[in-house]
């Protein structure tokens, strides 16, 4: 941070800022969590449809 304050930015300069390594793990865990939630919600919907179908007949 101290070194960065010494650089002058000009128009059309490109600055690259890398993610922290923890962000990659967070992205992976978020992907796994979203997949598990979708699977769980789909299974619950199927169970609800099956239960509703059985009670109607």
PDB file of N, CA and C in Angstrom:
ATOM      1  N   UNK A   1       0.828  -1.182   0.000  1.00  0.00           N
ATOM      2  CA  UNK A   1       0.000   0.000   0.000  1.00  0.00           C
ATOM      3  C   UNK A   1       0.879   1.255   0.000  1.00  0.00           C
ATOM      4  N   UNK A   2       1.947   1.211   0.745  1.00  0.00           N
ATOM      5  CA  UNK A   2       2.831   2.381   0.781  1.00  0.00           C
ATOM      6  C   UNK A   2       3.504   2.616  -0.568  1.00  0.00           C
ATOM      7  N   UNK A   3       3.885   1.529  -1.247  1.00  0.00           N
ATOM      8  CA  UNK A   3       4.508   1.684  -2.557  1.00  0.00           C
ATOM      9  C   UNK A   3       3.507   2.184  -3.588  1.00  0.00           C
ATOM     10  N   UNK A   4       2.267   1.726  -3.495  1.00  0.00           N
ATOM     11  CA  UNK A   4       1.259   2.112  -4.471  1.00  0.00           C
ATOM     12  C   UNK A   4       0.941   3.601  -4.409  1.00  0.00           C
ATOM     13  N   UNK A   5       1.095   4.203  -3.269  1.00  0.00           N
ATOM     14  CA  UNK A   5       0.774   5.631  -3.157  1.00  0.00           C
ATOM     15  C   UNK A   5       1.787   6.498  -3.903  1.00  0.00           C
ATOM     16  N   UNK A   6       2.925   5.939  -4.271  1.00  0.00           N
ATOM     17  CA  UNK A   6       3.943   6.697  -4.978  1.00  0.00           C
ATOM     18  C   UNK A   6       3.770   6.707  -6.488  1.00  0.00           C
ATOM     19  N   UNK A   7       2.861   5.897  -7.032  1.00  0.00           N
ATOM     20  CA  UNK A   7       2.647   5.825  -8.467  1.00  0.00           C
ATOM     21  C   UNK A   7       1.554   6.788  -8.889  1.00  0.00           C
ATOM     22  N   UNK A   8       1.796   7.462  -9.998  1.00  0.00           N
ATOM     23  CA  UNK A   8       0.798   8.363 -10.558  1.00  0.00           C
ATOM     24  C   UNK A   8      -0.040   7.601 -11.576  1.00  0.00           C
ATOM     25  N   UNK A   9      -1.342   7.713 -11.459  1.00  0.00           N
ATOM     26  CA  UNK A   9      -2.244   7.105 -12.440  1.00  0.00           C
ATOM     27  C   UNK A   9      -2.585   8.153 -13.495  1.00  0.00           C
ATOM     28  N   UNK A  10      -2.582   7.704 -14.737  1.00  0.00           N
ATOM     29  CA  UNK A  10      -2.928   8.591 -15.850  1.00  0.00           C
ATOM     30  C   UNK A  10      -4.150   8.041 -16.559  1.00  0.00           C
ATOM     31  N   UNK A  11      -4.705   8.843 -17.418  1.00  0.00           N
ATOM     32  CA  UNK A  11      -5.850   8.419 -18.212  1.00  0.00           C
ATOM     33  C   UNK A  11      -5.469   7.210 -19.057  1.00  0.00           C
ATOM     34  N   UNK A  12      -6.338   6.240 -19.133  1.00  0.00           N
ATOM     35  CA  UNK A  12      -6.182   5.002 -19.910  1.00  0.00           C
ATOM     36  C   UNK A  12      -5.166   4.033 -19.310  1.00  0.00           C
ATOM     37  N   UNK A  13      -4.682   4.272 -18.095  1.00  0.00           N
ATOM     38  CA  UNK A  13      -3.836   3.293 -17.411  1.00  0.00           C
ATOM     39  C   UNK A  13      -4.703   2.130 -16.967  1.00  0.00           C
ATOM     40  N   UNK A  14      -4.124   0.944 -16.945  1.00  0.00           N
ATOM     41  CA  UNK A  14      -4.830  -0.254 -16.515  1.00  0.00           C
ATOM     42  C   UNK A  14      -4.225  -0.703 -15.195  1.00  0.00           C
ATOM     43  N   UNK A  15      -5.103  -0.976 -14.232  1.00  0.00           N
ATOM     44  CA  UNK A  15      -4.633  -1.441 -12.933  1.00  0.00           C
ATOM     45  C   UNK A  15      -5.221  -2.834 -12.684  1.00  0.00           C
ATOM     46  N   UNK A  16      -4.383  -3.752 -12.320  1.00  0.00           N
ATOM     47  CA  UNK A  16      -4.822  -5.113 -12.018  1.00  0.00           C
ATOM     48  C   UNK A  16      -4.704  -5.349 -10.522  1.00  0.00           C
ATOM     49  N   UNK A  17      -5.786  -5.832  -9.930  1.00  0.00           N
ATOM     50  CA  UNK A  17      -5.793  -6.155  -8.510  1.00  0.00           C
ATOM     51  C   UNK A  17      -6.232  -7.613  -8.387  1.00  0.00           C
ATOM     52  N   UNK A  18      -5.363  -8.442  -7.873  1.00  0.00           N
ATOM     53  CA  UNK A  18      -5.663  -9.868  -7.748  1.00  0.00           C
ATOM     54  C   UNK A  18      -6.494 -10.132  -6.496  1.00  0.00           C
ATOM     55  N   UNK A  19      -7.293 -11.200  -6.574  1.00  0.00           N
ATOM     56  CA  UNK A  19      -8.066 -11.633  -5.406  1.00  0.00           C
ATOM     57  C   UNK A  19      -7.135 -12.257  -4.368  1.00  0.00           C
ATOM     58  N   UNK A  20      -7.558 -12.197  -3.129  1.00  0.00           N
ATOM     59  CA  UNK A  20      -6.843 -12.925  -2.088  1.00  0.00           C
ATOM     60  C   UNK A  20      -7.089 -14.417  -2.299  1.00  0.00           C
ATOM     61  N   UNK A  21      -6.184 -15.252  -1.838  1.00  0.00           N
ATOM     62  CA  UNK A  21      -6.319 -16.699  -2.029  1.00  0.00           C
ATOM     63  C   UNK A  21      -7.572 -17.251  -1.363  1.00  0.00           C
ATOM     64  N   UNK A  22      -8.015 -16.618  -0.311  1.00  0.00           N
ATOM     65  CA  UNK A  22      -9.208 -17.078   0.400  1.00  0.00           C
ATOM     66  C   UNK A  22     -10.448 -16.953  -0.484  1.00  0.00           C
ATOM     67  N   UNK A  23     -10.439 -16.012  -1.403  1.00  0.00           N
ATOM     68  CA  UNK A  23     -11.598 -15.793  -2.271  1.00  0.00           C
ATOM     69  C   UNK A  23     -11.857 -17.022  -3.137  1.00  0.00           C
ATOM     70  N   UNK A  24     -10.806 -17.681  -3.605  1.00  0.00           N
ATOM     71  CA  UNK A  24     -10.987 -18.885  -4.418  1.00  0.00           C
ATOM     72  C   UNK A  24     -11.681 -19.985  -3.619  1.00  0.00           C
ATOM     73  N   UNK A  25     -11.319 -20.159  -2.361  1.00  0.00           N
ATOM     74  CA  UNK A  25     -11.970 -21.157  -1.523  1.00  0.00           C
ATOM     75  C   UNK A  25     -13.427 -20.773  -1.266  1.00  0.00           C
ATOM     76  N   UNK A  26     -13.656 -19.489  -1.065  1.00  0.00           N
ATOM     77  CA  UNK A  26     -15.016 -19.002  -0.844  1.00  0.00           C
ATOM     78  C   UNK A  26     -15.888 -19.282  -2.073  1.00  0.00           C
ATOM     79  N   UNK A  27     -15.355 -19.053  -3.263  1.00  0.00           N
ATOM     80  CA  UNK A  27     -16.101 -19.323  -4.492  1.00  0.00           C
ATOM     81  C   UNK A  27     -16.434 -20.807  -4.601  1.00  0.00           C
ATOM     82  N   UNK A  28     -15.492 -21.666  -4.272  1.00  0.00           N
ATOM     83  CA  UNK A  28     -15.727 -23.109  -4.321  1.00  0.00           C
ATOM     84  C   UNK A  28     -16.807 -23.521  -3.324  1.00  0.00           C
ATOM     85  N   UNK A  29     -16.709 -23.021  -2.101  1.00  0.00           N
ATOM     86  CA  UNK A  29     -17.711 -23.361  -1.096  1.00  0.00           C
ATOM     87  C   UNK A  29     -19.088 -22.830  -1.466  1.00  0.00           C
ATOM     88  N   UNK A  30     -19.152 -21.659  -2.069  1.00  0.00           N
ATOM     89  CA  UNK A  30     -20.423 -21.102  -2.524  1.00  0.00           C
ATOM     90  C   UNK A  30     -21.021 -21.966  -3.621  1.00  0.00           C
ATOM     91  N   UNK A  31     -20.199 -22.430  -4.539  1.00  0.00           N
ATOM     92  CA  UNK A  31     -20.670 -23.313  -5.610  1.00  0.00           C
ATOM     93  C   UNK A  31     -21.224 -24.613  -5.035  1.00  0.00           C
ATOM     94  N   UNK A  32     -20.508 -25.205  -4.103  1.00  0.00           N
ATOM     95  CA  UNK A  32     -20.970 -26.452  -3.478  1.00  0.00           C
ATOM     96  C   UNK A  32     -22.275 -26.219  -2.715  1.00  0.00           C
ATOM     97  N   UNK A  33     -22.346 -25.120  -1.979  1.00  0.00           N
ATOM     98  CA  UNK A  33     -23.539 -24.807  -1.203  1.00  0.00           C
ATOM     99  C   UNK A  33     -24.745 -24.590  -2.113  1.00  0.00           C
ATOM    100  N   UNK A  34     -24.571 -23.847  -3.198  1.00  0.00           N
ATOM    101  CA  UNK A  34     -25.677 -23.606  -4.125  1.00  0.00           C
ATOM    102  C   UNK A  34     -26.146 -24.892  -4.788  1.00  0.00           C
ATOM    103  N   UNK A  35     -25.222 -25.769  -5.130  1.00  0.00           N
ATOM    104  CA  UNK A  35     -25.581 -27.051  -5.735  1.00  0.00           C
ATOM    105  C   UNK A  35     -26.353 -27.915  -4.745  1.00  0.00           C
ATOM    106  N   UNK A  36     -25.902 -27.960  -3.508  1.00  0.00           N
ATOM    107  CA  UNK A  36     -26.596 -28.743  -2.484  1.00  0.00           C
ATOM    108  C   UNK A  36     -27.986 -28.176  -2.206  1.00  0.00           C
ATOM    109  N   UNK A  37     -28.118 -26.869  -2.167  1.00  0.00           N
ATOM    110  CA  UNK A  37     -29.416 -26.242  -1.916  1.00  0.00           C
ATOM    111  C   UNK A  37     -30.386 -26.534  -3.059  1.00  0.00           C
ATOM    112  N   UNK A  38     -29.911 -26.459  -4.286  1.00  0.00           N
ATOM    113  CA  UNK A  38     -30.762 -26.763  -5.440  1.00  0.00           C
ATOM    114  C   UNK A  38     -31.221 -28.214  -5.409  1.00  0.00           C
ATOM    115  N   UNK A  39     -30.317 -29.118  -5.099  1.00  0.00           N
ATOM    116  CA  UNK A  39     -30.658 -30.538  -5.014  1.00  0.00           C
ATOM    117  C   UNK A  39     -31.673 -30.779  -3.910  1.00  0.00           C
ATOM    118  N   UNK A  40     -31.473 -30.162  -2.774  1.00  0.00           N
ATOM    119  CA  UNK A  40     -32.389 -30.313  -1.650  1.00  0.00           C
ATOM    120  C   UNK A  40     -33.772 -29.765  -1.980  1.00  0.00           C
ATOM    121  N   UNK A  41     -33.814 -28.598  -2.597  1.00  0.00           N
ATOM    122  CA  UNK A  41     -35.097 -28.005  -2.966  1.00  0.00           C
ATOM    123  C   UNK A  41     -35.836 -28.838  -4.009  1.00  0.00           C
ATOM    124  N   UNK A  42     -35.105 -29.402  -4.951  1.00  0.00           N
ATOM    125  CA  UNK A  42     -35.715 -30.261  -5.960  1.00  0.00           C
ATOM    126  C   UNK A  42     -36.277 -31.516  -5.316  1.00  0.00           C
ATOM    127  N   UNK A  43     -35.531 -32.126  -4.409  1.00  0.00           N
ATOM    128  CA  UNK A  43     -36.012 -33.330  -3.717  1.00  0.00           C
ATOM    129  C   UNK A  43     -37.255 -33.016  -2.886  1.00  0.00           C
ATOM    130  N   UNK A  44     -37.276 -31.878  -2.222  1.00  0.00           N
ATOM    131  CA  UNK A  44     -38.446 -31.492  -1.432  1.00  0.00           C
ATOM    132  C   UNK A  44     -39.659 -31.265  -2.327  1.00  0.00           C
ATOM    133  N   UNK A  45     -39.459 -30.669  -3.484  1.00  0.00           N
ATOM    134  CA  UNK A  45     -40.566 -30.443  -4.410  1.00  0.00           C
ATOM    135  C   UNK A  45     -41.131 -31.762  -4.921  1.00  0.00           C
ATOM    136  N   UNK A  46     -40.267 -32.711  -5.219  1.00  0.00           N
ATOM    137  CA  UNK A  46     -40.720 -34.028  -5.688  1.00  0.00           C
ATOM    138  C   UNK A  46     -41.513 -34.723  -4.591  1.00  0.00           C
ATOM    139  N   UNK A  47     -41.033 -34.650  -3.374  1.00  0.00           N
ATOM    140  CA  UNK A  47     -41.752 -35.274  -2.249  1.00  0.00           C
ATOM    141  C   UNK A  47     -43.110 -34.622  -2.065  1.00  0.00           C
ATOM    142  N   UNK A  48     -43.171 -33.294  -2.179  1.00  0.00           N
ATOM    143  CA  UNK A  48     -44.445 -32.591  -2.034  1.00  0.00           C
ATOM    144  C   UNK A  48     -45.422 -32.969  -3.133  1.00  0.00           C
ATOM    145  N   UNK A  49     -44.935 -33.118  -4.352  1.00  0.00           N
ATOM    146  CA  UNK A  49     -45.805 -33.520  -5.465  1.00  0.00           C
ATOM    147  C   UNK A  49     -46.299 -34.940  -5.241  1.00  0.00           C
ATOM    148  N   UNK A  50     -45.421 -35.832  -4.827  1.00  0.00           N
ATOM    149  CA  UNK A  50     -45.828 -37.215  -4.575  1.00  0.00           C
ATOM    150  C   UNK A  50     -46.845 -37.291  -3.441  1.00  0.00           C
ATOM    151  N   UNK A  51     -46.661 -36.522  -2.392  1.00  0.00           N
ATOM    152  CA  UNK A  51     -47.583 -36.511  -1.266  1.00  0.00           C
ATOM    153  C   UNK A  51     -48.936 -35.950  -1.686  1.00  0.00           C
ATOM    154  N   UNK A  52     -48.921 -34.875  -2.470  1.00  0.00           N
ATOM    155  CA  UNK A  52     -50.164 -34.273  -2.932  1.00  0.00           C
ATOM    156  C   UNK A  52     -50.917 -35.215  -3.868  1.00  0.00           C
ATOM    157  N   UNK A  53     -50.186 -35.948  -4.691  1.00  0.00           N
ATOM    158  CA  UNK A  53     -50.815 -36.885  -5.632  1.00  0.00           C
ATOM    159  C   UNK A  53     -51.463 -38.040  -4.884  1.00  0.00           C
ATOM    160  N   UNK A  54     -50.803 -38.542  -3.851  1.00  0.00           N
ATOM    161  CA  UNK A  54     -51.344 -39.668  -3.069  1.00  0.00           C
ATOM    162  C   UNK A  54     -52.599 -39.268  -2.294  1.00  0.00           C
ATOM    163  N   UNK A  55     -52.634 -38.050  -1.777  1.00  0.00           N
ATOM    164  CA  UNK A  55     -53.783 -37.635  -0.968  1.00  0.00           C
ATOM    165  C   UNK A  55     -54.989 -37.313  -1.844  1.00  0.00           C
ATOM    166  N   UNK A  56     -54.796 -36.956  -3.104  1.00  0.00           N
ATOM    167  CA  UNK A  56     -55.919 -36.666  -3.979  1.00  0.00           C
ATOM    168  C   UNK A  56     -56.630 -37.924  -4.397  1.00  0.00           C
ATOM    169  N   UNK A  57     -55.975 -39.033  -4.486  1.00  0.00           N
ATOM    170  CA  UNK A  57     -56.596 -40.268  -4.957  1.00  0.00           C
ATOM    171  C   UNK A  57     -57.094 -41.004  -3.794  1.00  0.00           C
TER     172      UNK A  57
END
